[in-house]
Amino acid sequence: MTDPMPKINGTLLKHWLATHNWSVNRLARECTTLGEDTIPEGTLRNALAGRDPIRPGRIHLIAHVTAKYGDGLSYEALTTLDPQRTTP
C-alpha cells in the first residue's frame, strides 16, 4: 500500500508568505522556475486552504524555495499539521 499524499501546513506557509510579503502566485512561480515540476497557483491555493493534499515532491520544492530566500521551512514542518507534534 502506498502512503497517502500529505496535506501541507497552510497556517505555517501562509505566515511565511505574509512575513516575506509574497503572494501564492509568486511562490508558485518560484517553485516552477527552481524545480522540474510546475505547481499551478490554484493547486497551491487549494493545498494552503487544506482542501487538497499535495505531492511530497512539491512540498520538498516549496521547502527548497523557502530556504533559498533565507529562513527556510523544512519538509517536516510543512507536513506537521499539529503544532504540538515535532514529527509528521
N, C-alpha and C. Protein backbone atom coordinates (compact mmCIF):
# COMPACT_ATOMS: atom_id res chain seq x y z
N MET A 1 0.84 -1.18 0.00
CA MET A 1 0.00 0.00 0.00
C MET A 1 0.89 1.25 0.00
N THR A 2 0.54 2.23 -0.79
CA THR A 2 1.33 3.45 -0.85
C THR A 2 0.87 4.42 0.24
N ASP A 3 1.80 5.26 0.66
CA ASP A 3 1.47 6.28 1.65
C ASP A 3 0.54 7.31 1.02
N PRO A 4 -0.42 7.80 1.78
CA PRO A 4 -1.29 8.84 1.25
C PRO A 4 -0.51 10.14 1.06
N MET A 5 -0.98 10.95 0.13
CA MET A 5 -0.31 12.24 -0.07
C MET A 5 -0.57 13.11 1.16
N PRO A 6 0.46 13.81 1.61
CA PRO A 6 0.29 14.64 2.81
C PRO A 6 -0.44 15.94 2.50
N LYS A 7 -1.01 16.49 3.54
CA LYS A 7 -1.54 17.85 3.45
C LYS A 7 -0.47 18.78 3.99
N ILE A 8 -0.47 19.98 3.48
CA ILE A 8 0.55 20.94 3.87
C ILE A 8 0.04 21.78 5.04
N ASN A 9 0.95 22.23 5.87
CA ASN A 9 0.61 23.09 6.99
C ASN A 9 0.37 24.49 6.43
N GLY A 10 -0.88 24.74 6.04
CA GLY A 10 -1.24 26.01 5.42
C GLY A 10 -1.01 27.20 6.31
N THR A 11 -1.27 27.05 7.59
CA THR A 11 -1.08 28.16 8.53
C THR A 11 0.38 28.60 8.56
N LEU A 12 1.28 27.63 8.64
CA LEU A 12 2.71 27.95 8.67
C LEU A 12 3.16 28.60 7.38
N LEU A 13 2.75 28.04 6.25
CA LEU A 13 3.18 28.59 4.97
C LEU A 13 2.55 29.95 4.71
N LYS A 14 1.30 30.15 5.09
CA LYS A 14 0.67 31.47 4.95
C LYS A 14 1.42 32.51 5.77
N HIS A 15 1.85 32.12 6.96
CA HIS A 15 2.63 33.04 7.80
C HIS A 15 3.94 33.40 7.11
N TRP A 16 4.62 32.40 6.53
CA TRP A 16 5.87 32.65 5.81
C TRP A 16 5.63 33.61 4.65
N LEU A 17 4.56 33.38 3.90
CA LEU A 17 4.23 34.25 2.77
C LEU A 17 3.99 35.69 3.23
N ALA A 18 3.22 35.84 4.31
CA ALA A 18 2.92 37.19 4.81
C ALA A 18 4.18 37.88 5.33
N THR A 19 5.02 37.14 6.04
CA THR A 19 6.25 37.70 6.58
C THR A 19 7.18 38.19 5.47
N HIS A 20 7.19 37.48 4.35
CA HIS A 20 8.08 37.83 3.24
C HIS A 20 7.38 38.67 2.17
N ASN A 21 6.12 39.04 2.43
CA ASN A 21 5.33 39.84 1.50
C ASN A 21 5.24 39.18 0.13
N TRP A 22 5.02 37.87 0.13
CA TRP A 22 4.88 37.10 -1.10
C TRP A 22 3.43 36.73 -1.30
N SER A 23 3.04 36.56 -2.55
CA SER A 23 1.73 36.04 -2.88
C SER A 23 1.85 34.55 -3.18
N VAL A 24 0.72 33.88 -3.21
CA VAL A 24 0.71 32.47 -3.60
C VAL A 24 1.21 32.35 -5.04
N ASN A 25 0.85 33.32 -5.86
CA ASN A 25 1.30 33.33 -7.25
C ASN A 25 2.83 33.37 -7.33
N ARG A 26 3.46 34.22 -6.53
CA ARG A 26 4.92 34.30 -6.57
C ARG A 26 5.55 32.99 -6.12
N LEU A 27 5.03 32.38 -5.06
CA LEU A 27 5.57 31.11 -4.60
C LEU A 27 5.44 30.06 -5.69
N ALA A 28 4.28 30.01 -6.34
CA ALA A 28 4.07 29.05 -7.43
C ALA A 28 5.07 29.29 -8.56
N ARG A 29 5.28 30.54 -8.92
CA ARG A 29 6.25 30.88 -9.99
C ARG A 29 7.66 30.48 -9.60
N GLU A 30 8.07 30.80 -8.36
CA GLU A 30 9.42 30.46 -7.91
C GLU A 30 9.63 28.95 -7.90
N CYS A 31 8.62 28.22 -7.44
CA CYS A 31 8.72 26.76 -7.42
C CYS A 31 8.88 26.21 -8.84
N THR A 32 8.10 26.75 -9.76
CA THR A 32 8.15 26.30 -11.14
C THR A 32 9.50 26.64 -11.77
N THR A 33 10.03 27.81 -11.46
CA THR A 33 11.32 28.24 -12.00
C THR A 33 12.46 27.41 -11.45
N LEU A 34 12.41 27.11 -10.16
CA LEU A 34 13.50 26.42 -9.49
C LEU A 34 13.47 24.91 -9.68
N GLY A 35 12.30 24.36 -9.84
CA GLY A 35 12.18 22.91 -9.88
C GLY A 35 11.88 22.36 -11.26
N GLU A 36 11.75 21.06 -11.29
CA GLU A 36 11.40 20.38 -12.54
C GLU A 36 9.91 20.09 -12.60
N ASP A 37 9.15 20.66 -11.69
CA ASP A 37 7.71 20.44 -11.61
C ASP A 37 7.02 21.80 -11.69
N THR A 38 5.91 21.84 -12.35
CA THR A 38 5.09 23.04 -12.40
C THR A 38 4.02 22.91 -11.32
N ILE A 39 3.95 23.91 -10.46
CA ILE A 39 2.91 23.93 -9.43
C ILE A 39 1.95 25.05 -9.80
N PRO A 40 0.78 24.72 -10.34
CA PRO A 40 -0.19 25.76 -10.67
C PRO A 40 -0.62 26.52 -9.42
N GLU A 41 -0.89 27.80 -9.58
CA GLU A 41 -1.30 28.63 -8.46
C GLU A 41 -2.54 28.08 -7.79
N GLY A 42 -3.51 27.61 -8.56
CA GLY A 42 -4.75 27.08 -7.99
C GLY A 42 -4.52 25.84 -7.15
N THR A 43 -3.60 24.99 -7.59
CA THR A 43 -3.26 23.79 -6.83
C THR A 43 -2.65 24.18 -5.49
N LEU A 44 -1.75 25.15 -5.53
CA LEU A 44 -1.10 25.62 -4.30
C LEU A 44 -2.11 26.29 -3.38
N ARG A 45 -3.00 27.06 -3.96
CA ARG A 45 -4.03 27.74 -3.16
C ARG A 45 -4.94 26.72 -2.46
N ASN A 46 -5.34 25.67 -3.18
CA ASN A 46 -6.17 24.62 -2.58
C ASN A 46 -5.43 23.87 -1.48
N ALA A 47 -4.15 23.63 -1.68
CA ALA A 47 -3.35 22.95 -0.66
C ALA A 47 -3.22 23.82 0.59
N LEU A 48 -3.00 25.12 0.40
CA LEU A 48 -2.89 26.04 1.54
C LEU A 48 -4.20 26.12 2.32
N ALA A 49 -5.30 26.01 1.63
CA ALA A 49 -6.61 26.08 2.28
C ALA A 49 -6.98 24.77 2.97
N GLY A 50 -6.17 23.73 2.76
CA GLY A 50 -6.44 22.45 3.40
C GLY A 50 -7.44 21.60 2.65
N ARG A 51 -7.82 22.02 1.45
CA ARG A 51 -8.80 21.26 0.67
C ARG A 51 -8.19 20.05 0.00
N ASP A 52 -6.95 20.18 -0.44
CA ASP A 52 -6.32 19.10 -1.21
C ASP A 52 -4.95 18.74 -0.64
N PRO A 53 -4.60 17.47 -0.72
CA PRO A 53 -3.21 17.09 -0.39
C PRO A 53 -2.30 17.53 -1.53
N ILE A 54 -1.02 17.42 -1.31
CA ILE A 54 -0.05 17.84 -2.33
C ILE A 54 1.07 16.80 -2.37
N ARG A 55 1.58 16.54 -3.54
CA ARG A 55 2.62 15.51 -3.69
C ARG A 55 3.85 15.87 -2.85
N PRO A 56 4.47 14.85 -2.24
CA PRO A 56 5.66 15.10 -1.42
C PRO A 56 6.77 15.84 -2.17
N GLY A 57 6.96 15.54 -3.44
CA GLY A 57 7.99 16.23 -4.22
C GLY A 57 7.75 17.72 -4.31
N ARG A 58 6.49 18.09 -4.39
CA ARG A 58 6.16 19.52 -4.43
C ARG A 58 6.41 20.17 -3.08
N ILE A 59 6.17 19.45 -2.01
CA ILE A 59 6.44 20.01 -0.67
C ILE A 59 7.95 20.20 -0.50
N HIS A 60 8.74 19.25 -0.97
CA HIS A 60 10.20 19.40 -0.92
C HIS A 60 10.63 20.63 -1.72
N LEU A 61 9.99 20.85 -2.85
CA LEU A 61 10.31 22.00 -3.68
C LEU A 61 9.97 23.31 -2.97
N ILE A 62 8.82 23.35 -2.31
CA ILE A 62 8.45 24.53 -1.52
C ILE A 62 9.48 24.77 -0.43
N ALA A 63 9.90 23.71 0.24
CA ALA A 63 10.93 23.83 1.29
C ALA A 63 12.22 24.39 0.70
N HIS A 64 12.57 23.94 -0.49
CA HIS A 64 13.79 24.42 -1.16
C HIS A 64 13.68 25.91 -1.49
N VAL A 65 12.53 26.33 -1.99
CA VAL A 65 12.33 27.74 -2.33
C VAL A 65 12.39 28.60 -1.08
N THR A 66 11.75 28.17 0.01
CA THR A 66 11.80 28.98 1.23
C THR A 66 13.22 29.05 1.79
N ALA A 67 13.99 27.99 1.62
CA ALA A 67 15.39 28.00 2.08
C ALA A 67 16.23 28.94 1.23
N LYS A 68 15.94 29.01 -0.05
CA LYS A 68 16.69 29.89 -0.95
C LYS A 68 16.59 31.34 -0.52
N TYR A 69 15.46 31.70 0.08
CA TYR A 69 15.23 33.07 0.48
C TYR A 69 15.45 33.28 1.97
N GLY A 70 16.35 32.52 2.56
CA GLY A 70 16.77 32.76 3.94
C GLY A 70 16.27 31.75 4.94
N ASP A 71 15.18 32.03 5.56
CA ASP A 71 14.68 31.23 6.68
C ASP A 71 13.73 30.14 6.18
N GLY A 72 14.30 29.09 5.68
CA GLY A 72 13.53 28.03 5.06
C GLY A 72 12.65 27.25 6.03
N LEU A 73 11.61 26.68 5.46
CA LEU A 73 10.72 25.79 6.19
C LEU A 73 11.06 24.37 5.79
N SER A 74 11.22 23.49 6.75
CA SER A 74 11.58 22.11 6.44
C SER A 74 10.36 21.33 5.96
N TYR A 75 10.63 20.22 5.28
CA TYR A 75 9.56 19.33 4.84
C TYR A 75 8.74 18.88 6.04
N GLU A 76 9.42 18.54 7.12
CA GLU A 76 8.75 18.07 8.33
C GLU A 76 7.81 19.14 8.89
N ALA A 77 8.28 20.38 8.93
CA ALA A 77 7.43 21.47 9.43
C ALA A 77 6.25 21.71 8.50
N LEU A 78 6.48 21.61 7.20
CA LEU A 78 5.41 21.85 6.24
C LEU A 78 4.35 20.75 6.24
N THR A 79 4.70 19.57 6.73
CA THR A 79 3.72 18.48 6.74
C THR A 79 3.21 18.17 8.14
N THR A 80 3.62 18.91 9.15
CA THR A 80 3.13 18.72 10.51
C THR A 80 1.97 19.67 10.72
N LEU A 81 0.77 19.14 10.82
CA LEU A 81 -0.41 19.96 10.96
C LEU A 81 -0.70 20.35 12.40
N ASP A 82 -0.27 19.52 13.34
CA ASP A 82 -0.50 19.78 14.76
C ASP A 82 0.75 20.46 15.33
N PRO A 83 0.63 21.72 15.78
CA PRO A 83 1.81 22.42 16.28
C PRO A 83 2.46 21.77 17.49
N GLN A 84 1.75 20.88 18.19
CA GLN A 84 2.32 20.21 19.36
C GLN A 84 3.22 19.04 18.94
N ARG A 85 3.07 18.56 17.72
CA ARG A 85 3.87 17.43 17.24
C ARG A 85 5.18 17.94 16.66
N THR A 86 6.22 17.16 16.82
CA THR A 86 7.51 17.53 16.27
C THR A 86 7.87 16.68 15.06
N THR A 87 7.12 15.60 14.85
CA THR A 87 7.34 14.76 13.68
C THR A 87 6.01 14.56 12.97
N PRO A 88 6.04 14.37 11.64
CA PRO A 88 4.79 14.19 10.92
C PRO A 88 4.09 12.90 11.27
